[in-house]
PDB file of N, CA and C in Angstrom:
ATOM      1  N   MET A   1       0.922  -1.108  -0.177  1.00  0.00           N
ATOM      2  CA  MET A   1      -0.186   0.043   0.109  1.00  0.00           C
ATOM      3  C   MET A   1       0.878   1.707   0.139  1.00  0.00           C
ATOM      4  N   LYS A   2       0.620   2.419  -0.955  1.00  0.00           N
ATOM      5  CA  LYS A   2       1.891   3.819  -1.432  1.00  0.00           C
ATOM      6  C   LYS A   2       0.043   4.145   0.088  1.00  0.00           C
ATOM      7  N   PRO A   3       1.892   5.026   0.901  1.00  0.00           N
ATOM      8  CA  PRO A   3       0.682   6.387   1.553  1.00  0.00           C
ATOM      9  C   PRO A   3       0.370   7.325   0.324  1.00  0.00           C
ATOM     10  N   ALA A   4      -0.746   7.792   0.683  1.00  0.00           N
ATOM     11  CA  ALA A   4      -1.082   9.130   0.071  1.00  0.00           C
ATOM     12  C   ALA A   4      -0.127  10.407   0.648  1.00  0.00           C
ATOM     13  N   GLY A   5       0.371  10.681   2.031  1.00  0.00           N
ATOM     14  CA  GLY A   5       0.600  11.581   2.312  1.00  0.00           C
ATOM     15  C   GLY A   5      -0.455  13.120   2.969  1.00  0.00           C
ATOM     16  N   VAL A   6      -1.588  12.327   2.871  1.00  0.00           N
ATOM     17  CA  VAL A   6      -2.609  13.201   2.986  1.00  0.00           C
ATOM     18  C   VAL A   6      -3.032  12.270   4.844  1.00  0.00           C
ATOM     19  N   VAL A   7      -3.528  13.372   5.981  1.00  0.00           N
ATOM     20  CA  VAL A   7      -4.005  13.312   6.875  1.00  0.00           C
ATOM     21  C   VAL A   7      -5.008  13.986   6.781  1.00  0.00           C
ATOM     22  N   ARG A   8      -6.332  13.463   7.412  1.00  0.00           N
ATOM     23  CA  ARG A   8      -7.361  14.251   7.741  1.00  0.00           C
ATOM     24  C   ARG A   8      -7.894  13.578   9.250  1.00  0.00           C
ATOM     25  N   LYS A   9      -8.564  14.266   9.347  1.00  0.00           N
ATOM     26  CA  LYS A   9      -9.371  13.966  11.078  1.00  0.00           C
ATOM     27  C   LYS A   9     -11.074  12.917  10.913  1.00  0.00           C
ATOM     28  N   VAL A  10     -11.176  12.424  11.623  1.00  0.00           N
ATOM     29  CA  VAL A  10     -13.009  11.725  11.098  1.00  0.00           C
ATOM     30  C   VAL A  10     -13.568  12.801  11.904  1.00  0.00           C
ATOM     31  N   ASP A  11     -14.995  12.868  11.582  1.00  0.00           N
ATOM     32  CA  ASP A  11     -15.927  13.607  12.503  1.00  0.00           C
ATOM     33  C   ASP A  11     -16.575  13.329  13.877  1.00  0.00           C
ATOM     34  N   GLN A  12     -17.138  14.845  13.968  1.00  0.00           N
ATOM     35  CA  GLN A  12     -18.657  13.886  15.494  1.00  0.00           C
ATOM     36  C   GLN A  12     -19.657  12.536  14.863  1.00  0.00           C
ATOM     37  N   LEU A  13     -18.918  12.575  13.594  1.00  0.00           N
ATOM     38  CA  LEU A  13     -20.365  11.582  12.769  1.00  0.00           C
ATOM     39  C   LEU A  13     -19.903  10.386  12.273  1.00  0.00           C
ATOM     40  N   GLY A  14     -18.200  10.813  12.258  1.00  0.00           N
ATOM     41  CA  GLY A  14     -17.890   9.357  11.680  1.00  0.00           C
ATOM     42  C   GLY A  14     -16.940   9.959  10.205  1.00  0.00           C
ATOM     43  N   ARG A  15     -17.578  10.654  10.236  1.00  0.00           N
ATOM     44  CA  ARG A  15     -17.131  10.797   8.248  1.00  0.00           C
ATOM     45  C   ARG A  15     -15.638  11.459   7.594  1.00  0.00           C
ATOM     46  N   ILE A  16     -15.039  11.340   6.795  1.00  0.00           N
ATOM     47  CA  ILE A  16     -14.191  11.804   6.378  1.00  0.00           C
ATOM     48  C   ILE A  16     -14.364  11.984   5.138  1.00  0.00           C
ATOM     49  N   VAL A  17     -12.928  13.715   4.811  1.00  0.00           N
ATOM     50  CA  VAL A  17     -13.499  14.238   3.211  1.00  0.00           C
ATOM     51  C   VAL A  17     -12.158  12.858   2.922  1.00  0.00           C
ATOM     52  N   LEU A  18     -12.435  13.040   1.554  1.00  0.00           N
ATOM     53  CA  LEU A  18     -11.167  12.829   0.436  1.00  0.00           C
ATOM     54  C   LEU A  18     -10.865  13.783  -0.777  1.00  0.00           C
ATOM     55  N   PRO A  19      -9.354  14.052  -0.175  1.00  0.00           N
ATOM     56  CA  PRO A  19      -8.667  14.863  -1.221  1.00  0.00           C
ATOM     57  C   PRO A  19      -9.258  15.243  -2.523  1.00  0.00           C
ATOM     58  N   LYS A  20      -9.964  15.704  -3.592  1.00  0.00           N
ATOM     59  CA  LYS A  20     -10.353  16.402  -4.833  1.00  0.00           C
ATOM     60  C   LYS A  20      -9.707  15.535  -4.925  1.00  0.00           C
ATOM     61  N   SER A  21      -8.540  15.853  -5.152  1.00  0.00           N
ATOM     62  CA  SER A  21      -6.726  15.418  -5.838  1.00  0.00           C
ATOM     63  C   SER A  21      -7.390  14.210  -6.319  1.00  0.00           C
ATOM     64  N   LEU A  22      -7.386  13.182  -4.988  1.00  0.00           N
ATOM     65  CA  LEU A  22      -7.909  11.646  -4.896  1.00  0.00           C
ATOM     66  C   LEU A  22      -8.740  11.052  -5.410  1.00  0.00           C
ATOM     67  N   ARG A  23      -9.913  11.567  -4.928  1.00  0.00           N
ATOM     68  CA  ARG A  23     -11.226  11.895  -5.781  1.00  0.00           C
ATOM     69  C   ARG A  23     -11.429  11.459  -6.605  1.00  0.00           C
ATOM     70  N   LYS A  24     -10.271  12.607  -7.931  1.00  0.00           N
ATOM     71  CA  LYS A  24     -10.468  12.625  -9.628  1.00  0.00           C
ATOM     72  C   LYS A  24      -9.488  11.688 -10.152  1.00  0.00           C
ATOM     73  N   ARG A  25      -7.964  11.994  -9.310  1.00  0.00           N
ATOM     74  CA  ARG A  25      -7.176  10.969  -9.661  1.00  0.00           C
ATOM     75  C   ARG A  25      -8.079   9.547 -10.129  1.00  0.00           C
ATOM     76  N   TYR A  26      -9.062   8.770  -8.716  1.00  0.00           N
ATOM     77  CA  TYR A  26      -9.629   7.505  -9.199  1.00  0.00           C
ATOM     78  C   TYR A  26     -10.957   7.334  -9.191  1.00  0.00           C
ATOM     79  N   GLN A  27     -11.431   9.074  -9.989  1.00  0.00           N
ATOM     80  CA  GLN A  27     -12.589   8.642 -10.768  1.00  0.00           C
ATOM     81  C   GLN A  27     -14.003   8.559  -9.832  1.00  0.00           C
ATOM     82  N   MET A  28     -13.542   9.034  -8.645  1.00  0.00           N
ATOM     83  CA  MET A  28     -14.599   9.296  -7.316  1.00  0.00           C
ATOM     84  C   MET A  28     -15.700   9.683  -6.997  1.00  0.00           C
ATOM     85  N   ASN A  29     -16.919  10.191  -7.395  1.00  0.00           N
ATOM     86  CA  ASN A  29     -18.067  11.574  -8.066  1.00  0.00           C
ATOM     87  C   ASN A  29     -18.925  11.171  -7.362  1.00  0.00           C
ATOM     88  N   GLU A  30     -19.352  12.428  -6.898  1.00  0.00           N
ATOM     89  CA  GLU A  30     -20.439  13.048  -5.230  1.00  0.00           C
ATOM     90  C   GLU A  30     -21.470  11.432  -5.868  1.00  0.00           C
ATOM     91  N   GLY A  31     -21.602  10.672  -5.058  1.00  0.00           N
ATOM     92  CA  GLY A  31     -22.849   9.544  -4.662  1.00  0.00           C
ATOM     93  C   GLY A  31     -22.288   8.543  -4.974  1.00  0.00           C
ATOM     94  N   ASP A  32     -21.035   8.042  -5.580  1.00  0.00           N
ATOM     95  CA  ASP A  32     -20.476   6.986  -6.477  1.00  0.00           C
ATOM     96  C   ASP A  32     -20.812   6.240  -5.190  1.00  0.00           C
ATOM     97  N   PRO A  33     -21.433   4.737  -5.088  1.00  0.00           N
ATOM     98  CA  PRO A  33     -20.932   3.685  -3.734  1.00  0.00           C
ATOM     99  C   PRO A  33     -19.878   3.384  -3.898  1.00  0.00           C
ATOM    100  N   VAL A  34     -19.501   3.175  -2.111  1.00  0.00           N
ATOM    101  CA  VAL A  34     -17.841   3.028  -1.794  1.00  0.00           C
ATOM    102  C   VAL A  34     -18.108   1.839  -1.524  1.00  0.00           C
ATOM    103  N   GLU A  35     -17.490   0.883  -1.158  1.00  0.00           N
ATOM    104  CA  GLU A  35     -17.248  -0.358  -0.758  1.00  0.00           C
ATOM    105  C   GLU A  35     -15.796   0.332   0.565  1.00  0.00           C
ATOM    106  N   ILE A  36     -16.012  -1.017   1.784  1.00  0.00           N
ATOM    107  CA  ILE A  36     -15.607  -0.372   3.007  1.00  0.00           C
ATOM    108  C   ILE A  36     -15.100  -1.983   3.673  1.00  0.00           C
ATOM    109  N   LEU A  37     -13.718  -2.243   3.030  1.00  0.00           N
ATOM    110  CA  LEU A  37     -12.915  -3.736   3.043  1.00  0.00           C
ATOM    111  C   LEU A  37     -11.839  -3.446   5.027  1.00  0.00           C
ATOM    112  N   VAL A  38     -11.639  -4.770   5.100  1.00  0.00           N
ATOM    113  CA  VAL A  38     -10.898  -4.358   6.279  1.00  0.00           C
ATOM    114  C   VAL A  38     -10.436  -5.657   6.244  1.00  0.00           C
ATOM    115  N   GLN A  39      -8.877  -5.995   6.441  1.00  0.00           N
ATOM    116  CA  GLN A  39      -7.638  -6.500   5.651  1.00  0.00           C
ATOM    117  C   GLN A  39      -6.496  -5.954   7.116  1.00  0.00           C
ATOM    118  N   GLY A  40      -6.440  -7.055   7.726  1.00  0.00           N
ATOM    119  CA  GLY A  40      -6.235  -6.811   9.489  1.00  0.00           C
ATOM    120  C   GLY A  40      -6.568  -5.660   9.815  1.00  0.00           C
ATOM    121  N   ASP A  41      -4.934  -4.558  10.321  1.00  0.00           N
ATOM    122  CA  ASP A  41      -5.335  -3.644  10.787  1.00  0.00           C
ATOM    123  C   ASP A  41      -5.954  -2.336  10.380  1.00  0.00           C
ATOM    124  N   HIS A  42      -5.729  -3.233   8.362  1.00  0.00           N
ATOM    125  CA  HIS A  42      -6.067  -1.262   7.527  1.00  0.00           C
ATOM    126  C   HIS A  42      -7.503  -1.365   7.463  1.00  0.00           C
ATOM    127  N   ILE A  43      -7.884  -0.112   7.185  1.00  0.00           N
ATOM    128  CA  ILE A  43      -9.678   0.292   6.006  1.00  0.00           C
ATOM    129  C   ILE A  43      -8.804   0.305   4.622  1.00  0.00           C
ATOM    130  N   ILE A  44     -10.070   0.234   4.028  1.00  0.00           N
ATOM    131  CA  ILE A  44      -9.732   0.594   1.987  1.00  0.00           C
ATOM    132  C   ILE A  44     -10.563   0.613   1.620  1.00  0.00           C
ATOM    133  N   LEU A  45     -10.791   1.508   1.301  1.00  0.00           N
ATOM    134  CA  LEU A  45     -11.891   1.992   0.678  1.00  0.00           C
ATOM    135  C   LEU A  45     -11.502   1.832  -0.501  1.00  0.00           C
ATOM    136  N   GLU A  46     -12.967   1.411  -1.311  1.00  0.00           N
ATOM    137  CA  GLU A  46     -12.669   1.022  -2.351  1.00  0.00           C
ATOM    138  C   GLU A  46     -13.426   1.655  -3.301  1.00  0.00           C
ATOM    139  N   ARG A  47     -13.777   2.236  -5.268  1.00  0.00           N
ATOM    140  CA  ARG A  47     -14.654   2.342  -5.903  1.00  0.00           C
ATOM    141  C   ARG A  47     -15.759   0.551  -5.383  1.00  0.00           C
ATOM    142  N   TYR A  48     -17.139   1.159  -5.246  1.00  0.00           N
ATOM    143  CA  TYR A  48     -17.585  -0.849  -5.809  1.00  0.00           C
ATOM    144  C   TYR A  48     -18.617  -0.977  -6.984  1.00  0.00           C
ATOM    145  N   ARG A  49     -17.754  -1.826  -7.123  1.00  0.00           N
ATOM    146  CA  ARG A  49     -18.296  -2.897  -8.458  1.00  0.00           C
ATOM    147  C   ARG A  49     -18.808  -4.063  -8.116  1.00  0.00           C
ATOM    148  N   PRO A  50     -20.091  -4.007  -9.086  1.00  0.00           N
ATOM    149  CA  PRO A  50     -20.864  -5.014  -8.642  1.00  0.00           C
ATOM    150  C   PRO A  50     -20.185  -6.598  -8.809  1.00  0.00           C
ATOM    151  N   LYS A  51     -20.611  -7.651  -8.494  1.00  0.00           N
ATOM    152  CA  LYS A  51     -19.736  -8.224  -8.595  1.00  0.00           C
ATOM    153  C   LYS A  51     -20.978  -9.951  -9.271  1.00  0.00           C
ATOM    154  N   CYS A  52     -20.112 -10.956  -9.788  1.00  0.00           N
ATOM    155  CA  CYS A  52     -21.824 -12.018  -9.569  1.00  0.00           C
ATOM    156  C   CYS A  52     -21.488 -12.734  -8.269  1.00  0.00           C
ATOM    157  N   ILE A  53     -22.763 -12.735  -8.207  1.00  0.00           N
ATOM    158  CA  ILE A  53     -23.038 -13.964  -6.776  1.00  0.00           C
ATOM    159  C   ILE A  53     -22.587 -15.170  -7.001  1.00  0.00           C
ATOM    160  N   PHE A  54     -22.582 -15.466  -8.384  1.00  0.00           N
ATOM    161  CA  PHE A  54     -21.857 -17.096  -8.209  1.00  0.00           C
ATOM    162  C   PHE A  54     -19.676 -17.525  -9.016  1.00  0.00           C
ATOM    163  N   CYS A  55     -19.527 -16.263  -9.429  1.00  0.00           N
ATOM    164  CA  CYS A  55     -18.500 -16.751  -9.797  1.00  0.00           C
ATOM    165  C   CYS A  55     -17.511 -15.707  -8.709  1.00  0.00           C
ATOM    166  N   GLY A  56     -18.418 -14.623  -8.774  1.00  0.00           N
ATOM    167  CA  GLY A  56     -18.059 -13.401  -8.055  1.00  0.00           C
ATOM    168  C   GLY A  56     -16.742 -12.367  -9.211  1.00  0.00           C
ATOM    169  N   SER A  57     -16.956 -12.352 -10.349  1.00  0.00           N
ATOM    170  CA  SER A  57     -16.408 -11.992 -11.631  1.00  0.00           C
ATOM    171  C   SER A  57     -17.260 -10.993 -11.725  1.00  0.00           C
ATOM    172  N   MET A  58     -16.137  -9.255 -11.883  1.00  0.00           N
ATOM    173  CA  MET A  58     -16.965  -7.762 -11.926  1.00  0.00           C
ATOM    174  C   MET A  58     -16.911  -7.393 -14.080  1.00  0.00           C
ATOM    175  N   GLU A  59     -16.435  -9.284 -14.165  1.00  0.00           N
ATOM    176  CA  GLU A  59     -16.852  -8.207 -15.999  1.00  0.00           C
ATOM    177  C   GLU A  59     -18.681  -8.503 -16.581  1.00  0.00           C
ATOM    178  N   ASP A  60     -18.910  -8.381 -17.171  1.00  0.00           N
ATOM    179  CA  ASP A  60     -19.985  -8.102 -17.681  1.00  0.00           C
ATOM    180  C   ASP A  60     -21.013  -8.161 -16.780  1.00  0.00           C
ATOM    181  N   VAL A  61     -21.249  -7.708 -15.432  1.00  0.00           N
ATOM    182  CA  VAL A  61     -22.285  -7.564 -15.131  1.00  0.00           C
ATOM    183  C   VAL A  61     -23.626  -7.336 -14.636  1.00  0.00           C
ATOM    184  N   ASN A  62     -24.746  -8.247 -14.831  1.00  0.00           N
ATOM    185  CA  ASN A  62     -26.078  -7.044 -14.816  1.00  0.00           C
ATOM    186  C   ASN A  62     -26.923  -8.289 -13.317  1.00  0.00           C
ATOM    187  N   ASP A  63     -27.699  -6.984 -13.365  1.00  0.00           N
ATOM    188  CA  ASP A  63     -28.464  -6.485 -12.342  1.00  0.00           C
ATOM    189  C   ASP A  63     -30.032  -7.725 -12.352  1.00  0.00           C
ATOM    190  N   PHE A  64     -30.392  -8.589 -11.402  1.00  0.00           N
ATOM    191  CA  PHE A  64     -31.613  -9.751 -11.660  1.00  0.00           C
ATOM    192  C   PHE A  64     -32.037  -9.043 -10.555  1.00  0.00           C
ATOM    193  N   LYS A  65     -32.800  -8.430  -9.975  1.00  0.00           N
ATOM    194  CA  LYS A  65     -33.858  -8.554  -9.011  1.00  0.00           C
ATOM    195  C   LYS A  65     -33.022  -8.517  -8.203  1.00  0.00           C
ATOM    196  N   GLU A  66     -32.036  -7.106  -7.876  1.00  0.00           N
ATOM    197  CA  GLU A  66     -31.109  -6.800  -6.912  1.00  0.00           C
ATOM    198  C   GLU A  66     -29.834  -7.884  -6.785  1.00  0.00           C
ATOM    199  N   ARG A  67     -29.874  -8.700  -7.184  1.00  0.00           N
ATOM    200  CA  ARG A  67     -29.084  -9.457  -7.533  1.00  0.00           C
ATOM    201  C   ARG A  67     -27.938  -9.404  -8.373  1.00  0.00           C
ATOM    202  N   TYR A  68     -26.789  -9.367  -8.490  1.00  0.00           N
ATOM    203  CA  TYR A  68     -25.823  -9.832 -10.027  1.00  0.00           C
ATOM    204  C   TYR A  68     -25.425 -10.526  -9.966  1.00  0.00           C
ATOM    205  N   ILE A  69     -25.219 -11.138 -11.876  1.00  0.00           N
ATOM    206  CA  ILE A  69     -25.201 -11.911 -12.144  1.00  0.00           C
ATOM    207  C   ILE A  69     -24.216 -11.870 -13.680  1.00  0.00           C
ATOM    208  N   CYS A  70     -23.479 -12.586 -13.486  1.00  0.00           N
ATOM    209  CA  CYS A  70     -22.222 -12.271 -14.831  1.00  0.00           C
ATOM    210  C   CYS A  70     -23.092 -13.175 -15.657  1.00  0.00           C
ATOM    211  N   ALA A  71     -22.753 -12.599 -17.192  1.00  0.00           N
ATOM    212  CA  ALA A  71     -23.365 -13.223 -18.346  1.00  0.00           C
ATOM    213  C   ALA A  71     -22.200 -14.467 -18.897  1.00  0.00           C
ATOM    214  N   GLN A  72     -21.701 -15.162 -18.184  1.00  0.00           N
ATOM    215  CA  GLN A  72     -21.382 -16.431 -18.609  1.00  0.00           C
ATOM    216  C   GLN A  72     -22.483 -17.184 -17.083  1.00  0.00           C
ATOM    217  N   CYS A  73     -23.084 -16.980 -15.991  1.00  0.00           N
ATOM    218  CA  CYS A  73     -22.977 -17.625 -14.452  1.00  0.00           C
ATOM    219  C   CYS A  73     -24.821 -17.548 -16.161  1.00  0.00           C
ATOM    220  N   LEU A  74     -24.603 -16.300 -16.890  1.00  0.00           N
ATOM    221  CA  LEU A  74     -26.408 -16.331 -16.703  1.00  0.00           C
ATOM    222  C   LEU A  74     -26.581 -17.629 -17.576  1.00  0.00           C
ATOM    223  N   GLU A  75     -25.551 -17.546 -18.636  1.00  0.00           N
ATOM    224  CA  GLU A  75     -25.638 -18.895 -19.839  1.00  0.00           C
ATOM    225  C   GLU A  75     -25.625 -20.299 -19.582  1.00  0.00           C
ATOM    226  N   GLU A  76     -25.179 -20.138 -17.665  1.00  0.00           N
ATOM    227  CA  GLU A  76     -24.734 -21.624 -17.888  1.00  0.00           C
ATOM    228  C   GLU A  76     -25.712 -22.178 -17.220  1.00  0.00           C
ATOM    229  N   MET A  77     -26.753 -21.247 -16.172  1.00  0.00           N
ATOM    230  CA  MET A  77     -28.201 -21.053 -15.964  1.00  0.00           C
ATOM    231  C   MET A  77     -29.510 -21.789 -16.637  1.00  0.00           C
ATOM    232  N   THR A  78     -29.055 -20.993 -18.171  1.00  0.00           N
ATOM    233  CA  THR A  78     -30.467 -20.869 -18.913  1.00  0.00           C
ATOM    234  C   THR A  78     -30.187 -22.158 -19.834  1.00  0.00           C
ATOM    235  N   GLN A  79     -28.569 -23.196 -20.350  1.00  0.00           N
ATOM    236  CA  GLN A  79     -28.346 -24.106 -19.802  1.00  0.00           C
ATOM    237  C   GLN A  79     -29.441 -24.831 -19.202  1.00  0.00           C
ATOM    238  N   LEU A  80     -28.861 -25.175 -18.290  1.00  0.00           N
ATOM    239  CA  LEU A  80     -29.895 -26.016 -17.198  1.00  0.00           C
ATOM    240  C   LEU A  80     -31.225 -26.484 -17.014  1.00  0.00           C
ATOM    241  N   SER A  81     -32.600 -26.017 -17.804  1.00  0.00           N
ATOM    242  CA  SER A  81     -33.553 -25.968 -18.123  1.00  0.00           C
ATOM    243  C   SER A  81     -33.809 -26.767 -19.362  1.00  0.00           C
TER     244      SER A  81
END
């Protein structure tokens, strides 16, 4: 992990502000979903990208009844019937 050299304080509501330069570099816009991951004693923020509920792929993922399924798993499911 590469340090960004930026220190921010957590406010009363537990919020932090990501500097504009980082938001721009990582293409994070207002309203974009962010995933919070924990790895050991590190907290990691990532732009949220939906993953297939079956195989975990992030490629060619479609929303189906509020769940995400990739095209390949969907194809395999249609072959079952």
